[in-house]
Amino acid sequence: MGLGVSGVAAAELLLSERSQVTVIDAADNLGLRKEAAKLRKKGAHVILAAHSVPEGVFDVCIVSPGIRSDSDWVRVVEKRGIEVLSELELGATRCACPMLAITGSKGKSTMVKFCGDALALAGKRVEIAGNYGPPLCGVVIKKRTLDWVVVEVSSFQLERVKSFRPVVGVLLNVQPDHLDRHGSMAAYVGMKAGMFNRMIRGDLGVVLDENLSLIKKLSKGANRWLSFGLSDNADYQYQDGKVFFKTVGRGRKAVDFRGTIFANEVLGLMTAAAVAVLRVCGVGAQLIEKVARKYKPLPHRMQIVARKKGVAFINDSKATNLAALAAGIKMCNGPVRLIAGGLLKESKLNFVKKTLVNRVARAYLIGKAAKQMENEWGRSVSCVQCGNIKTAIKSAWSDAKSGDFVLLSPGCASFDQFEDFEDRGRQFTRAVKLLK
């Protein structure tokens, strides 16, 4: 159900097993037609511009993460008694390699890449899968013998799992996100905690120290736990550019991230989780430090796209909620000229106001959320209604001084003005390059 990247990967895996596969998608465009043609050559029945679920006897329905669990199609399938699973679940049932799964509201892709780079440098046979990288089904179909599969897991993918079990699971953070889909913060947190439910003795859960007690109550696994955080109580503590941890009989040790992009509170927390995981996987401190020094940020995630007359232009288009917006601002070590707006995912905007007041010189607002953002923030922070991203960039550049950061960190979804967050980031980058 759905002919996106995960739908194609699931179909190809099932076809490789000689299953009879029917694929449906409500859309119909050139890209989908090309994918449909490839699958038809392999034996799949593909229906584009579908208005309903076809009649027939189906053993299982693999639903793409973009399709809501309460959609009409899913309800029809369930009424027929057909089991509904996610692509992640399908891949997990065929995955014979140990999985390191990483979830959270912010920073998943960065940690997945960091851990993948470190494991590969340590000589481990490793593949990256999930939200970042190919779908898990796309990795499984290769039938490679691996030491680790590092999987980025979203809450959408966890909606329809029943046997997915990582050997190591990481919950980086839980911040308001996708509440329009999950209904409440409690439901969203419960979905994330569910990743640990099928863990067995010897498996490991790694969780932010302030969330650990809640996650342990919500999850049902028999795994052991490690915590990370900023406090002395955390098993892995980030402090002043270093991650500290205790060793048996050898006292307190540290991994040094000073001088790297990770030497700040936001990414420092991620590195604390990464050190916890990588030490369990047999990766030493010196190698972790080497990976940090060489690390290049992923596109659209605090990516410096230009420097002009002492002004840094940063593409953080992946920041699609307000907590991510605040995190991006905190990572800038100078006055911020913030470009924000789009389609809001949440209704409470005031919790980021303190960060804005302390660090933002002016906010340049775009998209449908622009008026609401100005209404909530305008008395505390200078706000300019810009309408579109090109106008926002020109206005910010006109105001900027040497040492400023022009930061695209929208805090919103992109679909009011762009195809997706990547399109938004590309348009930002192109417009910045044209500035004179």
Protein backbone atom coordinates (compact mmCIF):
# COMPACT_ATOMS: atom_id res chain seq x y z
CA MET A 1 0.00 0.00 0.00
CA GLY A 2 1.92 3.01 -1.34
CA LEU A 3 4.54 3.12 -4.10
CA GLY A 4 7.12 5.30 -2.37
CA VAL A 5 10.65 4.19 -1.57
CA SER A 6 9.59 1.82 1.23
CA GLY A 7 6.69 0.41 -0.81
CA VAL A 8 8.98 -0.40 -3.73
CA ALA A 9 11.54 -2.05 -1.43
CA ALA A 10 8.86 -4.17 0.26
CA ALA A 11 7.43 -5.23 -3.10
CA GLU A 12 10.85 -6.18 -4.47
CA LEU A 13 11.66 -8.25 -1.39
CA LEU A 14 8.37 -10.14 -1.60
CA LEU A 15 8.76 -10.66 -5.35
CA SER A 16 12.24 -12.11 -4.75
CA GLU A 17 10.49 -14.69 -2.55
CA ARG A 18 8.07 -15.45 -5.42
CA SER A 19 5.09 -13.99 -3.63
CA GLN A 20 2.12 -12.67 -5.58
CA VAL A 21 2.26 -8.91 -5.06
CA THR A 22 -0.34 -6.20 -5.68
CA VAL A 23 0.70 -2.57 -5.20
CA ILE A 24 -1.76 0.33 -5.00
CA ASP A 25 -1.20 4.07 -4.85
CA ALA A 26 -3.74 6.88 -4.98
CA ALA A 27 -1.36 9.09 -6.97
CA ASP A 28 -0.34 8.87 -10.61
CA ASN A 29 2.67 10.71 -11.98
CA LEU A 30 5.70 10.11 -14.19
CA GLY A 31 7.93 8.96 -11.34
CA LEU A 32 5.37 6.46 -10.08
CA ARG A 33 4.79 5.15 -13.61
CA LYS A 34 8.49 4.41 -13.98
CA GLU A 35 8.55 2.50 -10.69
CA ALA A 36 5.34 0.69 -11.62
CA ALA A 37 6.84 -0.41 -14.94
CA LYS A 38 9.89 -1.87 -13.19
CA LEU A 39 7.75 -3.82 -10.72
CA ARG A 40 5.41 -5.09 -13.43
CA LYS A 41 8.41 -6.54 -15.28
CA LYS A 42 9.21 -8.48 -12.10
CA GLY A 43 5.67 -9.82 -11.87
CA ALA A 44 3.81 -7.36 -9.65
CA HIS A 45 0.28 -6.11 -10.29
CA VAL A 46 0.39 -2.32 -9.86
CA ILE A 47 -2.62 0.01 -9.69
CA LEU A 48 -2.01 3.76 -9.86
CA ALA A 49 -4.68 6.42 -9.27
CA ALA A 50 -6.39 3.80 -7.13
CA HIS A 51 -9.73 4.80 -5.61
CA SER A 52 -10.22 1.73 -3.43
CA VAL A 53 -8.60 -1.44 -2.18
CA PRO A 54 -8.97 -4.14 -4.86
CA GLU A 55 -10.99 -7.24 -4.20
CA GLY A 56 -9.00 -10.40 -3.73
CA VAL A 57 -7.49 -12.74 -1.21
CA PHE A 58 -4.45 -11.18 0.44
CA ASP A 59 -2.44 -12.75 3.27
CA VAL A 60 -0.84 -9.51 4.43
CA CYS A 61 -0.84 -5.78 3.72
CA ILE A 62 2.43 -3.83 3.92
CA VAL A 63 1.56 -0.19 4.54
CA SER A 64 3.92 2.67 3.72
CA PRO A 65 4.80 5.01 6.62
CA GLY A 66 3.09 7.95 4.91
CA ILE A 67 -0.32 6.25 5.11
CA ARG A 68 -2.14 6.80 8.38
CA SER A 69 -3.23 3.80 10.43
CA ASP A 70 -6.76 5.21 10.57
CA SER A 71 -7.02 5.83 6.81
CA ASP A 72 -10.01 4.46 4.89
CA TRP A 73 -7.83 1.97 3.01
CA VAL A 74 -6.30 0.53 6.17
CA ARG A 75 -9.73 0.24 7.79
CA VAL A 76 -11.07 -1.65 4.75
CA VAL A 77 -8.14 -4.07 4.83
CA GLU A 78 -8.54 -4.71 8.56
CA LYS A 79 -12.28 -5.32 8.19
CA ARG A 80 -11.41 -8.08 5.73
CA GLY A 81 -9.23 -9.70 8.39
CA ILE A 82 -5.97 -9.00 6.57
CA GLU A 83 -2.90 -8.43 8.75
CA VAL A 84 -1.38 -4.95 8.35
CA LEU A 85 2.38 -4.53 8.86
CA SER A 86 4.93 -1.81 8.24
CA GLU A 87 7.82 -2.15 5.79
CA LEU A 88 10.13 -2.05 8.82
CA GLU A 89 8.39 -5.10 10.27
CA LEU A 90 8.59 -7.00 6.98
CA GLY A 91 12.30 -6.32 6.71
CA ALA A 92 12.91 -7.22 10.35
CA THR A 93 11.30 -10.65 9.92
CA ARG A 94 13.85 -11.39 7.17
CA CYS A 95 16.88 -9.77 8.82
CA ALA A 96 19.34 -12.30 10.25
CA CYS A 97 21.85 -9.63 11.32
CA PRO A 98 21.85 -7.77 14.65
CA MET A 99 20.12 -4.40 14.46
CA LEU A 100 21.10 -1.13 16.14
CA ALA A 101 17.92 0.96 16.03
CA ILE A 102 17.83 4.70 16.67
CA THR A 103 14.67 6.73 17.19
CA GLY A 104 13.77 10.12 18.64
CA SER A 105 12.26 13.44 17.64
CA LYS A 106 15.53 15.12 16.64
CA GLY A 107 19.01 13.96 15.61
CA LYS A 108 18.25 10.42 14.42
CA SER A 109 19.88 10.69 11.01
CA THR A 110 23.00 12.37 12.39
CA MET A 111 23.50 9.61 14.95
CA VAL A 112 22.79 6.86 12.41
CA LYS A 113 25.47 8.23 10.09
CA PHE A 114 27.91 8.78 12.97
CA CYS A 115 27.49 5.21 14.26
CA GLY A 116 27.64 3.77 10.75
CA ASP A 117 30.87 5.68 10.01
CA ALA A 118 32.44 4.58 13.31
CA LEU A 119 31.51 0.92 12.93
CA ALA A 120 32.82 0.86 9.36
CA LEU A 121 36.09 2.51 10.40
CA ALA A 122 36.41 -0.11 13.14
CA GLY A 123 36.31 -2.80 10.47
CA LYS A 124 32.75 -3.93 11.10
CA ARG A 125 30.55 -5.07 8.24
CA VAL A 126 27.74 -2.55 8.48
CA GLU A 127 24.81 -1.21 6.47
CA ILE A 128 22.56 1.78 7.19
CA ALA A 129 18.81 1.47 6.71
CA GLY A 130 15.46 3.00 7.56
CA ASN A 131 14.47 6.65 7.35
CA TYR A 132 18.06 7.57 6.48
CA GLY A 133 19.50 5.24 3.86
CA PRO A 134 17.61 2.55 1.96
CA PRO A 135 14.58 0.91 3.57
CA LEU A 136 15.35 -2.14 5.70
CA CYS A 137 13.81 -4.39 3.03
CA GLY A 138 16.31 -2.94 0.55
CA VAL A 139 19.20 -4.01 2.79
CA VAL A 140 17.78 -7.45 3.57
CA ILE A 141 17.29 -8.35 -0.10
CA LYS A 142 21.08 -8.15 -0.65
CA LYS A 143 21.52 -11.14 1.71
CA ARG A 144 24.87 -9.86 2.98
CA THR A 145 26.39 -11.21 6.17
CA LEU A 146 26.72 -8.16 8.41
CA ASP A 147 27.96 -7.40 11.90
CA TRP A 148 25.40 -4.61 12.25
CA VAL A 149 22.48 -3.00 10.49
CA VAL A 150 22.04 0.56 11.81
CA VAL A 151 18.37 1.47 11.41
CA GLU A 152 16.77 4.89 11.72
CA VAL A 153 13.24 4.33 13.01
CA SER A 154 10.34 6.79 12.92
CA SER A 155 7.18 6.68 15.00
CA PHE A 156 5.21 6.03 11.79
CA GLN A 157 7.22 2.85 11.15
CA LEU A 158 6.60 1.65 14.71
CA GLU A 159 2.81 1.83 14.33
CA ARG A 160 2.60 -1.58 12.70
CA VAL A 161 5.29 -3.82 14.19
CA LYS A 162 4.94 -7.02 16.16
CA SER A 163 8.34 -8.75 16.07
CA PHE A 164 10.83 -5.95 15.29
CA ARG A 165 13.60 -6.38 17.86
CA PRO A 166 16.84 -4.44 17.84
CA VAL A 167 19.75 -5.82 19.85
CA VAL A 168 20.58 -2.23 20.76
CA GLY A 169 17.88 0.45 20.80
CA VAL A 170 18.41 4.19 21.30
CA LEU A 171 15.75 6.76 22.15
CA LEU A 172 17.51 10.10 21.74
CA ASN A 173 14.74 12.45 22.86
CA VAL A 174 10.98 12.89 22.86
CA GLN A 175 9.63 16.28 21.81
CA PRO A 176 6.21 17.27 20.44
CA ASP A 177 6.03 16.02 16.84
CA HIS A 178 3.49 14.34 14.56
CA LEU A 179 0.74 14.92 17.12
CA ASP A 180 -1.71 15.45 14.26
CA ARG A 181 -1.18 11.76 13.47
CA HIS A 182 -0.69 10.18 16.89
CA GLY A 183 -3.37 12.24 18.63
CA SER A 184 -1.56 13.06 21.86
CA MET A 185 1.88 13.37 23.38
CA ALA A 186 1.19 10.29 25.51
CA ALA A 187 0.43 8.21 22.43
CA TYR A 188 3.55 9.51 20.68
CA VAL A 189 5.80 8.67 23.64
CA GLY A 190 4.19 5.25 23.93
CA MET A 191 4.90 4.57 20.26
CA LYS A 192 8.58 5.43 20.71
CA ALA A 193 8.86 3.35 23.90
CA GLY A 194 7.35 0.40 22.06
CA MET A 195 10.64 -0.10 20.23
CA PHE A 196 11.99 -1.78 23.38
CA ASN A 197 8.99 -4.09 23.91
CA ARG A 198 10.39 -7.21 22.28
CA MET A 199 13.92 -6.98 23.63
CA ILE A 200 15.29 -9.97 25.52
CA ARG A 201 17.84 -10.42 28.27
CA GLY A 202 21.22 -9.16 27.08
CA ASP A 203 19.77 -6.57 24.70
CA LEU A 204 20.46 -2.91 25.47
CA GLY A 205 18.27 0.18 25.69
CA VAL A 206 19.94 3.61 25.68
CA VAL A 207 17.76 6.51 26.82
CA LEU A 208 18.14 10.15 27.92
CA ASP A 209 18.49 10.10 31.71
CA GLU A 210 15.51 12.38 32.35
CA ASN A 211 13.26 10.06 30.31
CA LEU A 212 14.60 6.72 31.53
CA SER A 213 12.15 6.00 34.37
CA LEU A 214 9.14 6.75 32.15
CA ILE A 215 10.40 4.66 29.23
CA LYS A 216 11.16 1.72 31.54
CA LYS A 217 7.58 1.86 32.81
CA LEU A 218 6.10 2.03 29.31
CA SER A 219 8.21 -0.68 27.69
CA LYS A 220 7.93 -4.41 28.31
CA GLY A 221 11.34 -5.69 27.25
CA ALA A 222 13.74 -7.63 29.45
CA ASN A 223 16.74 -5.63 28.32
CA ARG A 224 19.37 -3.79 30.34
CA TRP A 225 19.57 0.02 30.29
CA LEU A 226 22.16 2.77 29.96
CA SER A 227 21.44 6.49 30.31
CA PHE A 228 23.03 9.54 28.75
CA GLY A 229 22.60 13.21 29.56
CA LEU A 230 24.06 16.39 31.02
CA SER A 231 23.78 15.46 34.70
CA ASP A 232 26.23 13.60 36.93
CA ASN A 233 23.65 10.82 37.28
CA ALA A 234 23.90 9.82 33.61
CA ASP A 235 25.97 6.76 32.73
CA TYR A 236 27.37 8.78 29.82
CA GLN A 237 27.59 12.49 30.57
CA TYR A 238 28.27 15.29 28.08
CA GLN A 239 30.12 18.22 29.64
CA ASP A 240 32.26 20.99 28.11
CA GLY A 241 33.01 19.20 24.85
CA LYS A 242 33.68 15.77 26.36
CA VAL A 243 31.66 12.62 27.06
CA PHE A 244 32.52 11.10 30.44
CA PHE A 245 31.82 7.55 31.55
CA LYS A 246 32.87 5.19 34.32
CA THR A 247 34.91 2.04 33.74
CA VAL A 248 35.32 -0.95 36.02
CA GLY A 249 38.51 -0.53 38.03
CA ARG A 250 39.87 2.26 35.81
CA GLY A 251 37.97 5.30 37.03
CA ARG A 252 36.29 7.96 34.94
CA LYS A 253 37.24 8.15 31.26
CA ALA A 254 36.35 10.65 28.53
CA VAL A 255 35.94 10.90 24.77
CA ASP A 256 37.01 14.34 23.54
CA PHE A 257 34.81 16.17 20.99
CA ARG A 258 36.34 19.61 21.45
CA GLY A 259 37.10 21.34 18.16
CA THR A 260 34.43 19.37 16.28
CA ILE A 261 30.86 20.25 15.27
CA PHE A 262 29.65 18.13 18.19
CA ALA A 263 31.07 20.42 20.88
CA ASN A 264 27.75 21.96 21.88
CA GLU A 265 24.95 20.91 24.19
CA VAL A 266 22.56 19.84 21.41
CA LEU A 267 24.89 17.53 19.49
CA GLY A 268 26.81 16.74 22.66
CA LEU A 269 23.84 14.79 23.98
CA MET A 270 23.79 12.79 20.76
CA THR A 271 27.49 12.01 21.10
CA ALA A 272 26.92 10.78 24.65
CA ALA A 273 24.38 8.29 23.33
CA ALA A 274 26.71 7.36 20.47
CA VAL A 275 29.64 6.71 22.80
CA ALA A 276 27.45 4.45 24.95
CA VAL A 277 26.40 2.44 21.92
CA LEU A 278 29.76 2.29 20.19
CA ARG A 279 31.63 1.14 23.30
CA VAL A 280 29.17 -1.75 23.61
CA CYS A 281 29.86 -2.53 19.94
CA GLY A 282 33.61 -2.64 20.56
CA VAL A 283 34.64 0.76 19.16
CA GLY A 284 37.34 2.60 21.12
CA ALA A 285 37.60 6.24 22.15
CA GLN A 286 40.37 7.22 19.72
CA LEU A 287 38.45 5.91 16.75
CA ILE A 288 35.26 7.71 17.88
CA GLU A 289 37.23 10.96 18.15
CA LYS A 290 38.61 10.42 14.64
CA VAL A 291 35.11 9.99 13.21
CA ALA A 292 33.97 13.19 14.94
CA ARG A 293 36.84 15.19 13.46
CA LYS A 294 36.09 13.98 9.92
CA TYR A 295 32.30 14.08 10.15
CA LYS A 296 30.43 16.08 7.50
CA PRO A 297 26.84 17.09 8.34
CA LEU A 298 24.04 15.58 6.31
CA PRO A 299 22.24 17.85 3.82
CA HIS A 300 19.52 20.05 5.34
CA ARG A 301 20.75 19.41 8.91
CA MET A 302 22.72 22.43 10.21
CA GLN A 303 24.54 22.46 6.88
CA ILE A 304 26.68 25.54 6.23
CA VAL A 305 25.97 26.32 2.57
CA ALA A 306 27.84 29.64 2.26
CA ARG A 307 29.84 32.29 4.06
CA LYS A 308 29.58 35.85 2.76
CA LYS A 309 31.32 38.85 4.32
CA GLY A 310 31.54 37.12 7.69
CA VAL A 311 27.92 35.90 7.64
CA ALA A 312 27.25 32.14 7.76
CA PHE A 313 24.21 30.77 5.93
CA ILE A 314 22.90 27.53 7.43
CA ASN A 315 20.38 25.13 5.91
CA ASP A 316 18.52 23.32 8.70
CA SER A 317 15.41 22.60 6.62
CA LYS A 318 15.00 19.23 8.36
CA ALA A 319 13.90 21.14 11.49
CA THR A 320 10.18 20.50 11.03
CA ASN A 321 9.06 21.10 14.63
CA LEU A 322 9.68 23.85 17.16
CA ALA A 323 11.97 21.80 19.41
CA ALA A 324 14.23 21.22 16.40
CA LEU A 325 14.08 24.95 15.62
CA ALA A 326 15.24 25.77 19.16
CA ALA A 327 18.02 23.18 18.92
CA GLY A 328 19.29 24.71 15.69
CA ILE A 329 19.37 28.19 17.19
CA LYS A 330 21.36 26.94 20.19
CA MET A 331 23.99 25.46 17.89
CA CYS A 332 24.84 28.90 16.44
CA ASN A 333 27.55 30.72 18.40
CA GLY A 334 26.49 34.22 17.40
CA PRO A 335 23.43 36.38 16.64
CA VAL A 336 20.85 34.46 14.62
CA ARG A 337 18.70 35.79 11.80
CA LEU A 338 16.05 33.10 11.76
CA ILE A 339 13.99 32.10 8.73
CA ALA A 340 10.99 30.16 10.03
CA GLY A 341 7.48 29.17 9.05
CA GLY A 342 5.46 26.73 7.00
CA LEU A 343 2.81 24.31 8.23
CA LEU A 344 2.81 24.12 12.03
CA LYS A 345 2.60 20.68 13.63
CA GLU A 346 1.79 22.00 17.10
CA SER A 347 -0.35 24.66 18.74
CA LYS A 348 1.86 25.82 21.64
CA LEU A 349 4.60 28.15 20.43
CA ASN A 350 5.66 29.90 23.62
CA PHE A 351 8.05 27.24 24.93
CA VAL A 352 10.74 28.37 22.44
CA LYS A 353 10.36 32.08 23.25
CA LYS A 354 13.22 32.20 25.78
CA THR A 355 15.62 30.77 23.19
CA LEU A 356 14.43 33.30 20.63
CA VAL A 357 14.82 36.24 23.01
CA ASN A 358 18.34 35.20 24.04
CA ARG A 359 19.75 34.37 20.62
CA VAL A 360 17.65 35.67 17.69
CA ALA A 361 18.28 39.17 16.33
CA ARG A 362 15.24 39.00 14.05
CA ALA A 363 12.82 36.38 12.71
CA TYR A 364 11.93 36.39 9.01
CA LEU A 365 8.64 34.54 8.69
CA ILE A 366 7.27 32.61 5.71
CA GLY A 367 4.36 30.34 4.84
CA LYS A 368 1.03 29.70 6.50
CA ALA A 369 2.39 29.86 10.05
CA ALA A 370 3.91 33.32 9.65
CA LYS A 371 1.01 35.29 11.16
CA GLN A 372 0.59 32.92 14.09
CA MET A 373 4.31 33.01 14.82
CA GLU A 374 4.34 36.80 14.82
CA ASN A 375 1.28 36.90 17.09
CA GLU A 376 2.99 34.59 19.59
CA TRP A 377 6.53 35.97 19.41
CA GLY A 378 6.23 39.52 18.08
CA ARG A 379 6.18 41.30 21.45
CA SER A 380 9.44 39.65 22.47
CA VAL A 381 11.34 39.25 19.20
CA SER A 382 11.55 41.45 16.11
CA CYS A 383 9.54 39.68 13.38
CA VAL A 384 9.23 40.44 9.66
CA GLN A 385 6.51 39.03 7.41
CA CYS A 386 8.34 37.88 4.27
CA GLY A 387 5.86 35.55 2.58
CA ASN A 388 8.37 33.40 0.71
CA ILE A 389 11.87 32.10 1.23
CA LYS A 390 13.59 34.29 -1.37
CA THR A 391 12.26 37.47 0.22
CA ALA A 392 13.27 36.19 3.66
CA ILE A 393 16.82 35.49 2.51
CA LYS A 394 17.20 38.92 0.91
CA SER A 395 15.82 40.66 4.00
CA ALA A 396 18.07 38.70 6.36
CA TRP A 397 21.12 39.37 4.18
CA SER A 398 20.29 43.08 4.07
CA ASP A 399 20.17 43.20 7.89
CA ALA A 400 23.06 40.84 8.66
CA LYS A 401 26.40 41.89 10.09
CA SER A 402 29.70 40.05 10.20
CA GLY A 403 29.46 37.28 12.81
CA ASP A 404 25.72 36.73 12.26
CA PHE A 405 24.10 33.44 11.28
CA VAL A 406 21.31 33.40 8.69
CA LEU A 407 19.57 30.20 9.77
CA LEU A 408 16.82 28.40 7.89
CA SER A 409 15.30 26.37 10.73
CA PRO A 410 11.59 26.51 9.89
CA GLY A 411 10.07 24.65 12.85
CA CYS A 412 7.31 23.58 10.48
CA ALA A 413 6.45 21.12 7.75
CA SER A 414 7.13 22.34 4.22
CA PHE A 415 4.14 21.26 2.16
CA ASP A 416 2.44 24.68 1.94
CA GLN A 417 5.17 26.05 -0.35
CA PHE A 418 7.52 23.16 -1.21
CA GLU A 419 7.49 19.51 -2.27
CA ASP A 420 9.25 18.48 0.95
CA PHE A 421 11.92 19.63 3.39
CA GLU A 422 14.65 18.71 0.88
CA ASP A 423 13.10 20.92 -1.81
CA ARG A 424 12.89 23.73 0.76
CA GLY A 425 16.57 23.29 1.62
CA ARG A 426 17.62 23.21 -2.03
CA GLN A 427 15.69 26.40 -2.80
CA PHE A 428 17.31 28.10 0.19
CA THR A 429 20.77 27.03 -0.96
CA ARG A 430 20.20 28.18 -4.54
CA ALA A 431 18.89 31.58 -3.44
CA VAL A 432 21.83 32.09 -1.07
CA LYS A 433 24.32 31.32 -3.85
CA LEU A 434 22.75 34.10 -5.97
CA LEU A 435 23.19 36.79 -3.31
CA LYS A 436 25.55 39.62 -4.16
